[in-house]
Amino acid sequence: MDDGFFDFREVNFTPSTGVGQLIAQRPQPVPGRVGYDVKGRVLEARQGLDYPLKARSHVEVRREKGVELYLATIDEVVRISVDALKVIWQLAVKGDIDFGPGNLDFRGTCASMAR
C-alpha cells in the first residue's frame, strides 16, 4: 500500500486475464554457436530443443516475427501445465474459503477443495 503496509487479504495468488491479453510467448529455437573452453579448445554447439506448447481452452495462438504469442479469449484464470496453457472459468481454492486465502477477486465460479 502507499503507506508501506501490506494488506494480506489482497493477495493475488492466481493469475487472472482479460480478453486479448498476452499470457505467454515462445520464440522459435535458434541454432547454437561454436564456443571455446578456458584453454581455447573448440566446443561444438548443440542443437537447441523445441518444446511445443499446446493451446487448450480459450487460448488463441498467433505467430509474429518468429515468436508464438498465446492470447486469452475470455476474462478468467490461466492454468499452466508442463506442456499446455488454458484459460478456465473456475478458481479452485485448496482448503476452506475464509480469511486464509485473502480476498477473492474473480468473476467465475469459486470452488473449495477442503480436505
N, C-alpha and C. Protein backbone atom coordinates (compact mmCIF):
# COMPACT_ATOMS: atom_id res chain seq x y z
N MET A 1 0.84 -1.17 0.00
CA MET A 1 0.00 0.00 0.00
C MET A 1 0.89 1.24 0.00
N ASP A 2 0.31 2.41 -0.26
CA ASP A 2 1.08 3.65 -0.32
C ASP A 2 1.78 3.99 0.98
N ASP A 3 1.18 3.58 2.11
CA ASP A 3 1.76 3.93 3.42
C ASP A 3 2.82 2.94 3.88
N GLY A 4 3.17 1.95 3.03
CA GLY A 4 4.21 0.99 3.38
C GLY A 4 3.69 -0.28 4.02
N PHE A 5 2.40 -0.32 4.37
CA PHE A 5 1.83 -1.52 4.96
C PHE A 5 1.37 -2.47 3.86
N PHE A 6 1.23 -3.74 4.22
CA PHE A 6 0.80 -4.78 3.29
C PHE A 6 -0.53 -5.33 3.75
N ASP A 7 -1.53 -5.36 2.86
CA ASP A 7 -2.85 -5.91 3.18
C ASP A 7 -2.84 -7.38 2.77
N PHE A 8 -2.70 -8.28 3.73
CA PHE A 8 -2.60 -9.71 3.44
C PHE A 8 -3.89 -10.29 2.88
N ARG A 9 -5.00 -9.58 2.98
CA ARG A 9 -6.24 -10.07 2.39
C ARG A 9 -6.28 -9.84 0.89
N GLU A 10 -5.41 -8.97 0.38
CA GLU A 10 -5.38 -8.66 -1.05
C GLU A 10 -4.25 -9.41 -1.76
N VAL A 11 -4.04 -10.64 -1.41
CA VAL A 11 -3.01 -11.46 -2.03
C VAL A 11 -3.56 -12.04 -3.32
N ASN A 12 -2.93 -11.72 -4.45
CA ASN A 12 -3.38 -12.24 -5.73
C ASN A 12 -2.58 -13.50 -6.03
N PHE A 13 -3.12 -14.65 -5.70
CA PHE A 13 -2.38 -15.90 -5.83
C PHE A 13 -2.67 -16.64 -7.12
N THR A 14 -3.61 -16.17 -7.92
CA THR A 14 -3.98 -16.84 -9.16
C THR A 14 -3.93 -15.83 -10.30
N PRO A 15 -3.19 -16.13 -11.36
CA PRO A 15 -3.14 -15.17 -12.46
C PRO A 15 -4.47 -15.09 -13.18
N SER A 16 -5.06 -13.90 -13.24
CA SER A 16 -6.29 -13.67 -13.99
C SER A 16 -5.93 -12.97 -15.28
N THR A 17 -6.82 -13.04 -16.24
CA THR A 17 -6.52 -12.48 -17.55
C THR A 17 -7.72 -11.75 -18.11
N GLY A 18 -7.50 -10.98 -19.15
CA GLY A 18 -8.55 -10.29 -19.88
C GLY A 18 -8.54 -10.74 -21.33
N VAL A 19 -9.63 -10.49 -22.02
CA VAL A 19 -9.73 -10.87 -23.43
C VAL A 19 -8.61 -10.20 -24.22
N GLY A 20 -7.89 -10.98 -25.01
CA GLY A 20 -6.82 -10.46 -25.84
C GLY A 20 -5.50 -10.25 -25.13
N GLN A 21 -5.45 -10.55 -23.82
CA GLN A 21 -4.22 -10.34 -23.07
C GLN A 21 -3.19 -11.40 -23.41
N LEU A 22 -1.95 -10.98 -23.58
CA LEU A 22 -0.84 -11.90 -23.83
C LEU A 22 -0.55 -12.65 -22.54
N ILE A 23 -0.63 -13.99 -22.59
CA ILE A 23 -0.38 -14.78 -21.38
C ILE A 23 0.93 -15.57 -21.48
N ALA A 24 1.45 -15.73 -22.69
CA ALA A 24 2.75 -16.42 -22.85
C ALA A 24 3.28 -16.12 -24.25
N GLN A 25 4.58 -16.27 -24.38
CA GLN A 25 5.19 -16.20 -25.70
C GLN A 25 6.31 -17.22 -25.77
N ARG A 26 6.50 -17.78 -26.97
CA ARG A 26 7.51 -18.82 -27.15
C ARG A 26 8.27 -18.54 -28.43
N PRO A 27 9.54 -18.14 -28.31
CA PRO A 27 10.34 -17.93 -29.52
C PRO A 27 10.73 -19.27 -30.12
N GLN A 28 10.99 -19.27 -31.41
CA GLN A 28 11.45 -20.48 -32.08
C GLN A 28 12.90 -20.74 -31.68
N PRO A 29 13.31 -22.01 -31.64
CA PRO A 29 14.71 -22.30 -31.28
C PRO A 29 15.67 -21.74 -32.33
N VAL A 30 16.82 -21.33 -31.88
CA VAL A 30 17.84 -20.79 -32.79
C VAL A 30 19.04 -21.73 -32.78
N PRO A 31 19.79 -21.75 -33.87
CA PRO A 31 20.97 -22.62 -33.90
C PRO A 31 22.00 -22.19 -32.86
N GLY A 32 22.68 -23.16 -32.28
CA GLY A 32 23.73 -22.86 -31.31
C GLY A 32 24.96 -22.30 -32.01
N ARG A 33 25.85 -21.71 -31.22
CA ARG A 33 27.09 -21.15 -31.77
C ARG A 33 28.28 -21.90 -31.18
N VAL A 34 29.30 -22.03 -31.98
CA VAL A 34 30.54 -22.67 -31.52
C VAL A 34 31.10 -21.82 -30.39
N GLY A 35 31.62 -22.49 -29.36
CA GLY A 35 32.23 -21.79 -28.24
C GLY A 35 33.62 -22.32 -27.98
N TYR A 36 34.25 -21.80 -26.93
CA TYR A 36 35.61 -22.21 -26.59
C TYR A 36 35.71 -22.41 -25.08
N ASP A 37 36.52 -23.39 -24.68
CA ASP A 37 36.74 -23.58 -23.25
C ASP A 37 37.87 -22.67 -22.79
N VAL A 38 38.24 -22.74 -21.52
CA VAL A 38 39.26 -21.83 -20.97
C VAL A 38 40.65 -22.04 -21.59
N LYS A 39 40.87 -23.18 -22.23
CA LYS A 39 42.17 -23.44 -22.87
C LYS A 39 42.12 -23.15 -24.37
N GLY A 40 41.02 -22.58 -24.84
CA GLY A 40 40.90 -22.20 -26.24
C GLY A 40 40.45 -23.32 -27.16
N ARG A 41 40.10 -24.49 -26.60
CA ARG A 41 39.64 -25.60 -27.43
C ARG A 41 38.20 -25.34 -27.87
N VAL A 42 37.89 -25.76 -29.09
CA VAL A 42 36.57 -25.54 -29.67
C VAL A 42 35.53 -26.44 -28.99
N LEU A 43 34.41 -25.84 -28.63
CA LEU A 43 33.27 -26.59 -28.11
C LEU A 43 32.16 -26.49 -29.15
N GLU A 44 31.84 -27.63 -29.75
CA GLU A 44 30.82 -27.64 -30.79
C GLU A 44 29.45 -27.30 -30.18
N ALA A 45 28.67 -26.58 -30.95
CA ALA A 45 27.33 -26.18 -30.49
C ALA A 45 26.38 -27.37 -30.58
N ARG A 46 25.52 -27.46 -29.60
CA ARG A 46 24.47 -28.48 -29.64
C ARG A 46 23.21 -27.87 -30.23
N GLN A 47 22.43 -28.70 -30.87
CA GLN A 47 21.16 -28.24 -31.44
C GLN A 47 20.19 -27.90 -30.32
N GLY A 48 19.55 -26.74 -30.42
CA GLY A 48 18.54 -26.35 -29.44
C GLY A 48 17.32 -27.25 -29.53
N LEU A 49 16.64 -27.45 -28.42
CA LEU A 49 15.46 -28.30 -28.40
C LEU A 49 14.21 -27.45 -28.55
N ASP A 50 13.25 -27.99 -29.26
CA ASP A 50 11.98 -27.30 -29.47
C ASP A 50 10.92 -27.98 -28.62
N TYR A 51 10.44 -27.27 -27.60
CA TYR A 51 9.39 -27.80 -26.73
C TYR A 51 8.08 -27.11 -27.09
N PRO A 52 7.23 -27.79 -27.85
CA PRO A 52 5.97 -27.15 -28.22
C PRO A 52 5.06 -26.93 -27.01
N LEU A 53 4.28 -25.89 -27.09
CA LEU A 53 3.32 -25.55 -26.04
C LEU A 53 1.94 -25.64 -26.66
N LYS A 54 1.06 -26.45 -26.07
CA LYS A 54 -0.28 -26.64 -26.63
C LYS A 54 -1.22 -25.55 -26.14
N ALA A 55 -1.99 -25.02 -27.04
CA ALA A 55 -3.02 -24.04 -26.69
C ALA A 55 -4.31 -24.81 -26.47
N ARG A 56 -4.78 -24.81 -25.24
CA ARG A 56 -6.01 -25.52 -24.90
C ARG A 56 -7.18 -24.53 -24.86
N SER A 57 -8.11 -24.76 -23.97
CA SER A 57 -9.34 -23.97 -23.88
C SER A 57 -9.10 -22.48 -23.78
N HIS A 58 -9.77 -21.73 -24.63
CA HIS A 58 -9.82 -20.27 -24.58
C HIS A 58 -8.46 -19.59 -24.73
N VAL A 59 -7.58 -20.22 -25.52
CA VAL A 59 -6.26 -19.64 -25.81
C VAL A 59 -6.09 -19.60 -27.32
N GLU A 60 -5.75 -18.44 -27.84
CA GLU A 60 -5.51 -18.25 -29.27
C GLU A 60 -4.00 -18.10 -29.48
N VAL A 61 -3.51 -18.70 -30.58
CA VAL A 61 -2.08 -18.61 -30.90
C VAL A 61 -1.91 -17.77 -32.15
N ARG A 62 -1.00 -16.81 -32.08
CA ARG A 62 -0.61 -16.01 -33.25
C ARG A 62 0.89 -16.11 -33.41
N ARG A 63 1.34 -16.07 -34.64
CA ARG A 63 2.78 -16.10 -34.91
C ARG A 63 3.19 -14.77 -35.51
N GLU A 64 4.14 -14.10 -34.87
CA GLU A 64 4.64 -12.82 -35.35
C GLU A 64 6.15 -12.80 -35.23
N LYS A 65 6.83 -12.59 -36.34
CA LYS A 65 8.29 -12.44 -36.37
C LYS A 65 9.02 -13.57 -35.65
N GLY A 66 8.61 -14.82 -35.92
CA GLY A 66 9.30 -15.97 -35.34
C GLY A 66 8.96 -16.27 -33.90
N VAL A 67 7.93 -15.63 -33.35
CA VAL A 67 7.53 -15.84 -31.96
C VAL A 67 6.06 -16.26 -31.93
N GLU A 68 5.77 -17.30 -31.17
CA GLU A 68 4.38 -17.69 -30.95
C GLU A 68 3.84 -16.89 -29.78
N LEU A 69 2.71 -16.21 -29.99
CA LEU A 69 2.06 -15.44 -28.94
C LEU A 69 0.79 -16.17 -28.53
N TYR A 70 0.59 -16.34 -27.23
CA TYR A 70 -0.58 -17.02 -26.68
C TYR A 70 -1.44 -15.97 -25.99
N LEU A 71 -2.69 -15.82 -26.49
CA LEU A 71 -3.59 -14.78 -26.01
C LEU A 71 -4.86 -15.40 -25.44
N ALA A 72 -5.37 -14.80 -24.37
CA ALA A 72 -6.62 -15.26 -23.76
C ALA A 72 -7.80 -14.79 -24.60
N THR A 73 -8.82 -15.63 -24.72
CA THR A 73 -10.03 -15.24 -25.45
C THR A 73 -11.20 -14.97 -24.52
N ILE A 74 -11.02 -15.16 -23.21
CA ILE A 74 -12.05 -14.84 -22.21
C ILE A 74 -11.37 -14.19 -20.99
N ASP A 75 -12.17 -13.57 -20.14
CA ASP A 75 -11.68 -12.96 -18.89
C ASP A 75 -11.77 -13.98 -17.77
N GLU A 76 -10.74 -14.74 -17.54
CA GLU A 76 -10.79 -15.72 -16.44
C GLU A 76 -9.40 -16.06 -15.92
N VAL A 77 -9.22 -17.29 -15.44
CA VAL A 77 -7.99 -17.72 -14.77
C VAL A 77 -7.12 -18.55 -15.72
N VAL A 78 -5.82 -18.27 -15.70
CA VAL A 78 -4.86 -19.00 -16.54
C VAL A 78 -4.40 -20.25 -15.80
N ARG A 79 -4.40 -21.38 -16.48
CA ARG A 79 -3.87 -22.62 -15.93
C ARG A 79 -2.71 -23.06 -16.80
N ILE A 80 -1.59 -23.36 -16.19
CA ILE A 80 -0.39 -23.76 -16.91
C ILE A 80 0.01 -25.15 -16.46
N SER A 81 0.25 -26.03 -17.43
CA SER A 81 0.80 -27.35 -17.11
C SER A 81 2.17 -27.45 -17.78
N VAL A 82 2.76 -28.60 -17.75
CA VAL A 82 4.10 -28.78 -18.29
C VAL A 82 4.16 -28.40 -19.77
N ASP A 83 3.13 -28.75 -20.54
CA ASP A 83 3.19 -28.51 -21.98
C ASP A 83 1.96 -27.81 -22.55
N ALA A 84 1.10 -27.25 -21.69
CA ALA A 84 -0.13 -26.65 -22.21
C ALA A 84 -0.57 -25.43 -21.41
N LEU A 85 -1.30 -24.55 -22.09
CA LEU A 85 -1.91 -23.38 -21.47
C LEU A 85 -3.41 -23.44 -21.71
N LYS A 86 -4.19 -23.08 -20.71
CA LYS A 86 -5.62 -22.95 -20.92
C LYS A 86 -6.16 -21.89 -19.97
N VAL A 87 -7.29 -21.33 -20.34
CA VAL A 87 -7.97 -20.34 -19.51
C VAL A 87 -9.30 -20.97 -19.12
N ILE A 88 -9.56 -20.99 -17.81
CA ILE A 88 -10.75 -21.70 -17.32
C ILE A 88 -11.69 -20.76 -16.57
N TRP A 89 -12.92 -21.24 -16.40
CA TRP A 89 -13.97 -20.47 -15.74
C TRP A 89 -13.99 -20.65 -14.24
N GLN A 90 -13.26 -21.60 -13.70
CA GLN A 90 -13.38 -21.92 -12.28
C GLN A 90 -12.06 -21.75 -11.55
N LEU A 91 -12.13 -21.16 -10.37
CA LEU A 91 -10.97 -20.99 -9.50
C LEU A 91 -11.10 -22.01 -8.37
N ALA A 92 -10.12 -22.91 -8.26
CA ALA A 92 -10.12 -23.91 -7.19
C ALA A 92 -9.24 -23.41 -6.05
N VAL A 93 -9.78 -23.37 -4.86
CA VAL A 93 -9.05 -22.91 -3.68
C VAL A 93 -8.80 -24.11 -2.80
N LYS A 94 -7.53 -24.40 -2.52
CA LYS A 94 -7.20 -25.52 -1.65
C LYS A 94 -7.53 -25.13 -0.22
N GLY A 95 -8.33 -25.93 0.45
CA GLY A 95 -8.73 -25.62 1.82
C GLY A 95 -10.05 -24.88 1.85
N ASP A 96 -10.34 -24.28 2.99
CA ASP A 96 -11.59 -23.55 3.16
C ASP A 96 -11.50 -22.16 2.54
N ILE A 97 -12.65 -21.66 2.12
CA ILE A 97 -12.71 -20.27 1.65
C ILE A 97 -13.05 -19.43 2.86
N ASP A 98 -12.03 -18.80 3.41
CA ASP A 98 -12.18 -17.97 4.61
C ASP A 98 -11.14 -16.85 4.52
N PHE A 99 -10.73 -16.30 5.65
CA PHE A 99 -9.74 -15.23 5.63
C PHE A 99 -8.35 -15.71 5.23
N GLY A 100 -8.12 -17.01 5.27
CA GLY A 100 -6.81 -17.58 4.94
C GLY A 100 -6.31 -17.21 3.55
N PRO A 101 -7.06 -17.52 2.48
CA PRO A 101 -6.56 -17.17 1.15
C PRO A 101 -6.67 -15.69 0.82
N GLY A 102 -7.34 -14.90 1.64
CA GLY A 102 -7.49 -13.48 1.35
C GLY A 102 -8.73 -13.22 0.52
N ASN A 103 -8.85 -12.00 0.04
CA ASN A 103 -10.00 -11.62 -0.78
C ASN A 103 -9.90 -12.30 -2.13
N LEU A 104 -11.02 -12.75 -2.65
CA LEU A 104 -11.06 -13.40 -3.95
C LEU A 104 -11.72 -12.46 -4.95
N ASP A 105 -10.94 -11.91 -5.85
CA ASP A 105 -11.44 -11.01 -6.87
C ASP A 105 -11.49 -11.80 -8.17
N PHE A 106 -12.64 -12.43 -8.42
CA PHE A 106 -12.75 -13.39 -9.51
C PHE A 106 -14.17 -13.38 -10.05
N ARG A 107 -14.32 -13.36 -11.38
CA ARG A 107 -15.66 -13.29 -11.99
C ARG A 107 -16.29 -14.65 -12.23
N GLY A 108 -15.52 -15.73 -12.22
CA GLY A 108 -16.06 -17.05 -12.49
C GLY A 108 -16.58 -17.72 -11.24
N THR A 109 -16.56 -19.05 -11.23
CA THR A 109 -17.04 -19.85 -10.11
C THR A 109 -15.87 -20.18 -9.19
N CYS A 110 -16.11 -20.11 -7.89
CA CYS A 110 -15.09 -20.46 -6.91
C CYS A 110 -15.46 -21.81 -6.28
N ALA A 111 -14.50 -22.70 -6.16
CA ALA A 111 -14.76 -23.99 -5.57
C ALA A 111 -13.73 -24.27 -4.49
N SER A 112 -14.19 -24.65 -3.30
CA SER A 112 -13.28 -25.01 -2.23
C SER A 112 -12.90 -26.47 -2.36
N MET A 113 -11.63 -26.76 -2.17
CA MET A 113 -11.15 -28.14 -2.20
C MET A 113 -10.73 -28.54 -0.80
N ALA A 114 -11.62 -28.27 0.16
CA ALA A 114 -11.33 -28.56 1.57
C ALA A 114 -11.10 -30.05 1.75
N ARG A 115 -10.18 -30.35 2.66
CA ARG A 115 -9.86 -31.76 2.93
C ARG A 115 -10.95 -32.43 3.71
